[in-house]
Amino acid sequence: MLDEAVDALVQHPDGIYVDGTYGRGGHARAVLGRLSAQGRLVAFDKDPEAVTHAASDPVLSTDARFAICHAGFDDMAGELAARGVMRVDGVLLDLGVSSPQIDNPARGFSFRFDAPLDMRMDTSQGETAAEFLARADERQIAEVIRDYGEERFAVAIAKALVARRAGGSPVSSTGELSALVAGAVKTREPGQNPATRTFQALRIHVNAELAALEQGLKAALALLAPAGRLVVISFHSLEDRIVKTFINSHSKDMVDRRAPFAPPQPLRLRAIARIKAGAGEVRANPRARSAVMRVAERTEVPA
């Protein structure tokens, strides 16, 4: 949904915009193509490889309108303030793992390859998925797989993981995890690998993705200038539910129940669109089949 996202985002060619998930620069190049010489784009990415890619890109690295920060979009407020930016005209968030991360076996995101079970978006810090599985108890593992993967066999998978660890061979690779889950899961939807939900859950947990999303949405709302756009592309129901709830909660007058006679807090967002990938895009990119894009606009900031 590249064109749809950029169409929704860029309303003022002279404005300042945020690409919260640089990836490999697809959205960034498209946004810069819509900006005037006075426009600016600040990109964010947790992945050091993404930042290196931007620095070595012959077009982006020489474009004075573009800058990239090695940080998550949940840190955008502080990073932008350090650059003297207090208001922006649009924020774009393309959630989840990027295609280069999935397709690189060494990153450990995919059960298509046998590789170390890492799953960190920022490989310079934090706990890997293998390290989490090596220390967490059965209850913690089951909660992560159930809550973030919506996996009904979470307890069975957690028991199998802990039993294997107790036997002296904790899971440390994507192939080992995939095989263990396949043995623990009794049934699965046609065409879906039994390990899909478990891999999703561990990735979300290791990268604290849902907490980062909630913080990033709050930061975006605080930064958006009047009529500025928030554009979010999500790929599974947990993400989309958070985005939908956030937009809805700020798209209506809010009454403070502690002060029922006070005037309601004016709405701060106006929901504009919910868009799904078209059939042609899904054929060209099967990963887009679950994508949902939500667009909202910042209302006037009260005086």
Protein backbone atom coordinates (compact mmCIF):
# COMPACT_ATOMS: atom_id res chain seq x y z
CA MET A 1 0.00 0.00 0.00
CA LEU A 2 2.88 2.32 -0.79
CA ASP A 3 0.98 4.78 -2.94
CA GLU A 4 -2.08 4.80 -0.69
CA ALA A 5 0.06 5.44 2.39
CA VAL A 6 1.99 8.32 0.84
CA ASP A 7 -1.17 9.83 -0.66
CA ALA A 8 -2.78 9.82 2.79
CA LEU A 9 0.30 11.12 4.58
CA VAL A 10 1.66 14.00 2.54
CA GLN A 11 -0.78 16.92 2.47
CA HIS A 12 1.77 19.76 2.62
CA PRO A 13 4.87 19.43 0.39
CA ASP A 14 6.76 21.97 2.52
CA GLY A 15 6.05 20.07 5.75
CA ILE A 16 8.06 17.94 8.16
CA TYR A 17 7.26 14.22 8.16
CA VAL A 18 8.25 11.14 10.15
CA ASP A 19 8.83 7.67 8.74
CA GLY A 20 8.80 5.66 11.96
CA THR A 21 9.90 2.40 10.33
CA TYR A 22 12.55 3.00 7.65
CA GLY A 23 13.15 -0.67 6.74
CA ARG A 24 14.93 -0.33 3.41
CA GLY A 25 13.62 3.08 2.49
CA GLY A 26 10.69 2.33 0.21
CA HIS A 27 8.31 4.70 1.96
CA ALA A 28 11.07 7.23 2.60
CA ARG A 29 11.91 7.58 -1.11
CA ALA A 30 8.23 7.89 -2.01
CA VAL A 31 7.62 10.57 0.63
CA LEU A 32 10.68 12.57 -0.45
CA GLY A 33 9.35 12.38 -4.01
CA ARG A 34 6.28 14.33 -2.86
CA LEU A 35 8.16 16.98 -0.86
CA SER A 36 9.40 20.35 -2.01
CA ALA A 37 12.92 21.60 -1.48
CA GLN A 38 11.74 22.99 1.87
CA GLY A 39 10.20 19.72 3.10
CA ARG A 40 11.92 17.40 5.56
CA LEU A 41 11.70 13.72 6.44
CA VAL A 42 13.09 12.18 9.61
CA ALA A 43 13.19 8.37 9.64
CA PHE A 44 13.55 5.98 12.56
CA ASP A 45 14.63 2.35 12.79
CA LYS A 46 15.80 0.11 15.63
CA ASP A 47 17.75 -2.09 13.25
CA PRO A 48 21.43 -1.11 12.83
CA GLU A 49 21.39 -2.72 9.37
CA ALA A 50 18.59 -0.37 8.30
CA VAL A 51 20.52 2.67 9.50
CA THR A 52 23.63 1.46 7.67
CA HIS A 53 21.55 0.96 4.54
CA ALA A 54 20.26 4.54 4.69
CA ALA A 55 23.76 5.91 5.24
CA SER A 56 25.06 4.05 2.20
CA ASP A 57 22.12 4.76 -0.11
CA PRO A 58 23.46 7.03 -2.89
CA VAL A 59 20.22 9.04 -3.08
CA LEU A 60 19.09 9.29 0.54
CA SER A 61 22.56 9.87 1.99
CA THR A 62 23.00 12.97 -0.18
CA ASP A 63 19.51 14.41 0.26
CA ALA A 64 19.66 17.33 2.71
CA ARG A 65 15.95 16.91 3.40
CA PHE A 66 16.46 13.44 4.91
CA ALA A 67 17.81 12.23 8.25
CA ILE A 68 17.64 8.88 10.06
CA CYS A 69 17.83 8.02 13.75
CA HIS A 70 18.91 4.67 15.20
CA ALA A 71 15.92 4.50 17.53
CA GLY A 72 12.41 3.13 17.71
CA PHE A 73 9.45 5.30 16.82
CA ASP A 74 8.44 5.22 20.49
CA ASP A 75 11.44 7.50 21.11
CA MET A 76 10.53 9.94 18.34
CA ALA A 77 9.56 12.82 20.62
CA GLY A 78 12.96 13.05 22.31
CA GLU A 79 14.92 12.47 19.12
CA LEU A 80 12.97 15.14 17.24
CA ALA A 81 13.23 17.62 20.11
CA ALA A 82 17.01 17.19 20.01
CA ARG A 83 16.83 18.26 16.35
CA GLY A 84 14.68 21.26 17.19
CA VAL A 85 11.50 19.72 15.78
CA MET A 86 8.44 20.19 18.01
CA ARG A 87 5.65 19.76 15.42
CA VAL A 88 5.32 17.52 12.37
CA ASP A 89 2.82 17.34 9.52
CA GLY A 90 2.56 13.58 9.34
CA VAL A 91 3.70 10.32 10.95
CA LEU A 92 3.85 7.00 9.09
CA LEU A 93 4.21 3.68 10.95
CA ASP A 94 4.57 0.46 8.94
CA LEU A 95 4.46 -2.07 11.75
CA GLY A 96 6.02 -5.47 12.26
CA VAL A 97 9.12 -7.10 10.88
CA SER A 98 10.51 -5.98 7.51
CA SER A 99 11.02 -8.26 4.52
CA PRO A 100 14.85 -8.01 4.71
CA GLN A 101 14.71 -9.10 8.35
CA ILE A 102 12.49 -12.08 7.51
CA ASP A 103 14.58 -13.08 4.50
CA ASN A 104 17.93 -12.93 6.33
CA PRO A 105 18.38 -16.38 7.97
CA ALA A 106 20.86 -15.02 10.50
CA ARG A 107 18.21 -12.81 12.12
CA GLY A 108 16.16 -15.80 13.30
CA PHE A 109 12.74 -14.42 12.41
CA SER A 110 11.64 -17.19 10.06
CA PHE A 111 11.05 -20.92 10.35
CA ARG A 112 11.95 -21.21 6.65
CA PHE A 113 15.63 -21.33 7.61
CA ASP A 114 17.54 -23.02 10.41
CA ALA A 115 19.43 -20.28 12.21
CA PRO A 116 20.16 -18.99 15.73
CA LEU A 117 16.94 -18.01 17.49
CA ASP A 118 17.57 -14.28 17.81
CA MET A 119 14.50 -12.25 16.67
CA ARG A 120 15.77 -8.89 17.96
CA MET A 121 15.08 -5.94 15.69
CA ASP A 122 17.93 -4.08 17.39
CA THR A 123 20.79 -6.58 17.43
CA SER A 124 22.94 -4.21 19.49
CA GLN A 125 20.99 -4.74 22.71
CA GLY A 126 18.40 -6.79 24.55
CA GLU A 127 17.57 -10.43 25.13
CA THR A 128 17.27 -12.89 22.25
CA ALA A 129 14.33 -15.28 21.91
CA ALA A 130 16.64 -18.20 22.77
CA GLU A 131 17.78 -16.43 25.95
CA PHE A 132 14.19 -15.78 26.98
CA LEU A 133 13.25 -19.44 26.47
CA ALA A 134 16.34 -20.52 28.41
CA ARG A 135 15.37 -18.57 31.55
CA ALA A 136 11.57 -18.15 31.63
CA ASP A 137 9.34 -20.55 33.52
CA GLU A 138 6.50 -22.51 31.97
CA ARG A 139 3.84 -20.00 32.99
CA GLN A 140 5.74 -17.04 31.51
CA ILE A 141 6.36 -18.84 28.22
CA ALA A 142 2.73 -19.94 27.94
CA GLU A 143 1.46 -16.40 28.64
CA VAL A 144 3.68 -14.90 25.92
CA ILE A 145 2.65 -17.48 23.32
CA ARG A 146 -1.05 -17.23 24.25
CA ASP A 147 -1.28 -13.46 24.60
CA TYR A 148 0.91 -12.38 21.68
CA GLY A 149 0.36 -15.32 19.35
CA GLU A 150 -3.30 -16.05 20.20
CA GLU A 151 -2.18 -19.68 20.27
CA ARG A 152 -4.66 -22.10 21.86
CA PHE A 153 -1.95 -24.73 22.36
CA ALA A 154 0.30 -22.31 24.26
CA VAL A 155 0.42 -24.44 27.42
CA ALA A 156 1.36 -27.59 25.50
CA ILE A 157 4.12 -25.73 23.67
CA ALA A 158 5.45 -24.22 26.90
CA LYS A 159 5.50 -27.63 28.59
CA ALA A 160 7.44 -29.11 25.68
CA LEU A 161 9.96 -26.25 25.73
CA VAL A 162 10.57 -26.55 29.47
CA ALA A 163 10.80 -30.36 29.28
CA ARG A 164 13.42 -30.13 26.55
CA ARG A 165 15.36 -27.57 28.57
CA ALA A 166 15.23 -29.79 31.64
CA GLY A 167 16.65 -32.60 29.52
CA GLY A 168 19.77 -30.55 28.89
CA SER A 169 19.12 -29.30 25.35
CA PRO A 170 17.22 -26.00 25.39
CA VAL A 171 15.91 -24.76 22.06
CA SER A 172 18.45 -22.44 20.45
CA SER A 173 17.62 -22.42 16.74
CA THR A 174 14.63 -21.67 14.55
CA GLY A 175 14.63 -25.21 13.21
CA GLU A 176 14.54 -26.72 16.69
CA LEU A 177 11.69 -24.45 17.76
CA SER A 178 9.69 -25.13 14.61
CA ALA A 179 10.04 -28.89 15.03
CA LEU A 180 9.12 -28.78 18.71
CA VAL A 181 5.99 -26.70 18.06
CA ALA A 182 4.93 -29.03 15.24
CA GLY A 183 5.05 -31.90 17.70
CA ALA A 184 3.05 -30.04 20.36
CA VAL A 185 0.32 -28.52 18.17
CA LYS A 186 -2.46 -30.98 17.41
CA THR A 187 -4.29 -29.14 14.64
CA ARG A 188 -3.66 -26.07 12.54
CA GLU A 189 -5.44 -23.97 9.95
CA PRO A 190 -4.92 -25.26 6.40
CA GLY A 191 -1.87 -23.73 4.75
CA GLN A 192 -0.41 -22.33 7.97
CA ASN A 193 2.82 -23.61 9.50
CA PRO A 194 2.15 -24.84 13.07
CA ALA A 195 4.92 -22.56 14.36
CA THR A 196 3.54 -19.34 12.85
CA ARG A 197 1.79 -18.09 15.98
CA THR A 198 4.64 -19.03 18.31
CA PHE A 199 7.23 -17.22 16.17
CA GLN A 200 4.99 -14.15 16.06
CA ALA A 201 4.52 -14.20 19.83
CA LEU A 202 8.21 -14.50 20.65
CA ARG A 203 9.12 -11.74 18.19
CA ILE A 204 6.54 -9.38 19.68
CA HIS A 205 7.74 -10.16 23.21
CA VAL A 206 11.46 -9.86 22.51
CA ASN A 207 10.98 -6.46 20.86
CA ALA A 208 8.22 -5.21 23.22
CA GLU A 209 6.32 -4.28 20.06
CA LEU A 210 2.88 -3.62 21.51
CA ALA A 211 4.15 -1.39 24.31
CA ALA A 212 6.28 0.49 21.77
CA LEU A 213 3.23 0.92 19.52
CA GLU A 214 1.14 2.41 22.32
CA GLN A 215 3.94 4.81 23.24
CA GLY A 216 4.58 5.69 19.61
CA LEU A 217 0.93 6.54 18.98
CA LYS A 218 0.91 8.86 22.00
CA ALA A 219 4.10 10.53 20.80
CA ALA A 220 2.69 10.97 17.30
CA LEU A 221 -0.48 12.60 18.59
CA ALA A 222 1.52 15.04 20.71
CA LEU A 223 3.75 15.96 17.76
CA LEU A 224 1.15 16.34 15.01
CA ALA A 225 0.33 19.86 13.92
CA PRO A 226 -3.31 20.74 13.19
CA ALA A 227 -4.43 18.82 10.06
CA GLY A 228 -1.35 16.59 10.36
CA ARG A 229 -1.89 12.95 9.38
CA LEU A 230 -1.29 9.71 11.26
CA VAL A 231 -0.97 6.71 8.93
CA VAL A 232 -0.49 3.24 10.43
CA ILE A 233 -0.15 -0.06 8.55
CA SER A 234 -0.59 -3.15 10.72
CA PHE A 235 -0.32 -6.83 9.89
CA HIS A 236 -2.13 -8.67 12.65
CA SER A 237 -5.14 -8.19 14.85
CA LEU A 238 -3.28 -7.28 18.05
CA GLU A 239 -1.61 -4.30 16.38
CA ASP A 240 -4.72 -3.20 14.52
CA ARG A 241 -6.83 -3.40 17.69
CA ILE A 242 -4.45 -1.03 19.48
CA VAL A 243 -4.44 1.43 16.57
CA LYS A 244 -8.22 1.30 16.17
CA THR A 245 -8.81 1.80 19.90
CA PHE A 246 -6.35 4.71 20.03
CA ILE A 247 -7.92 6.53 17.10
CA ASN A 248 -11.45 5.91 18.35
CA SER A 249 -10.62 7.08 21.87
CA HIS A 250 -9.33 10.41 20.55
CA SER A 251 -12.07 10.85 17.94
CA LYS A 252 -14.80 11.77 20.40
CA ASP A 253 -15.29 14.29 23.17
CA MET A 254 -13.91 12.92 26.42
CA VAL A 255 -15.63 13.54 29.75
CA ASP A 256 -13.52 13.45 32.90
CA ARG A 257 -15.57 11.33 35.30
CA ARG A 258 -13.69 12.85 38.22
CA ALA A 259 -15.08 16.26 37.21
CA PRO A 260 -18.45 15.55 35.60
CA PHE A 261 -19.48 19.21 35.35
CA ALA A 262 -16.31 20.31 33.58
CA PRO A 263 -16.53 20.81 29.81
CA PRO A 264 -15.54 17.71 27.85
CA GLN A 265 -12.03 17.47 26.42
CA PRO A 266 -12.33 18.24 22.69
CA LEU A 267 -11.61 15.48 20.21
CA ARG A 268 -8.02 15.41 19.00
CA LEU A 269 -8.21 13.07 16.00
CA ARG A 270 -10.59 12.58 13.12
CA ALA A 271 -10.70 9.06 11.70
CA ILE A 272 -10.44 9.26 7.90
CA ALA A 273 -9.99 5.79 6.42
CA ARG A 274 -9.48 2.08 6.90
CA ILE A 275 -7.92 0.47 3.82
CA LYS A 276 -6.98 -3.13 3.03
CA ALA A 277 -4.56 -4.30 0.36
CA GLY A 278 -6.17 -4.90 -3.02
CA ALA A 279 -6.20 -8.23 -4.81
CA GLY A 280 -3.45 -7.17 -7.19
CA GLU A 281 -1.09 -6.21 -4.39
CA VAL A 282 -1.79 -9.43 -2.49
CA ARG A 283 -0.97 -11.45 -5.62
CA ALA A 284 2.30 -9.55 -6.03
CA ASN A 285 3.12 -9.63 -2.31
CA PRO A 286 1.34 -12.36 -0.31
CA ARG A 287 2.55 -10.78 2.95
CA ALA A 288 0.14 -7.91 2.27
CA ARG A 289 -2.95 -10.11 2.60
CA SER A 290 -3.38 -9.27 6.29
CA ALA A 291 -2.39 -5.60 6.06
CA VAL A 292 -4.76 -2.91 7.32
CA MET A 293 -4.00 0.78 6.95
CA ARG A 294 -5.73 3.30 9.22
CA VAL A 295 -5.58 7.04 8.62
CA ALA A 296 -6.47 9.81 11.05
CA GLU A 297 -6.06 13.57 11.05
CA ARG A 298 -5.12 15.87 13.93
CA THR A 299 -7.87 18.34 14.73
CA GLU A 300 -7.20 21.90 15.73
CA VAL A 301 -5.16 22.15 18.92
CA PRO A 302 -7.19 24.03 21.56
CA ALA A 303 -5.84 27.45 22.49
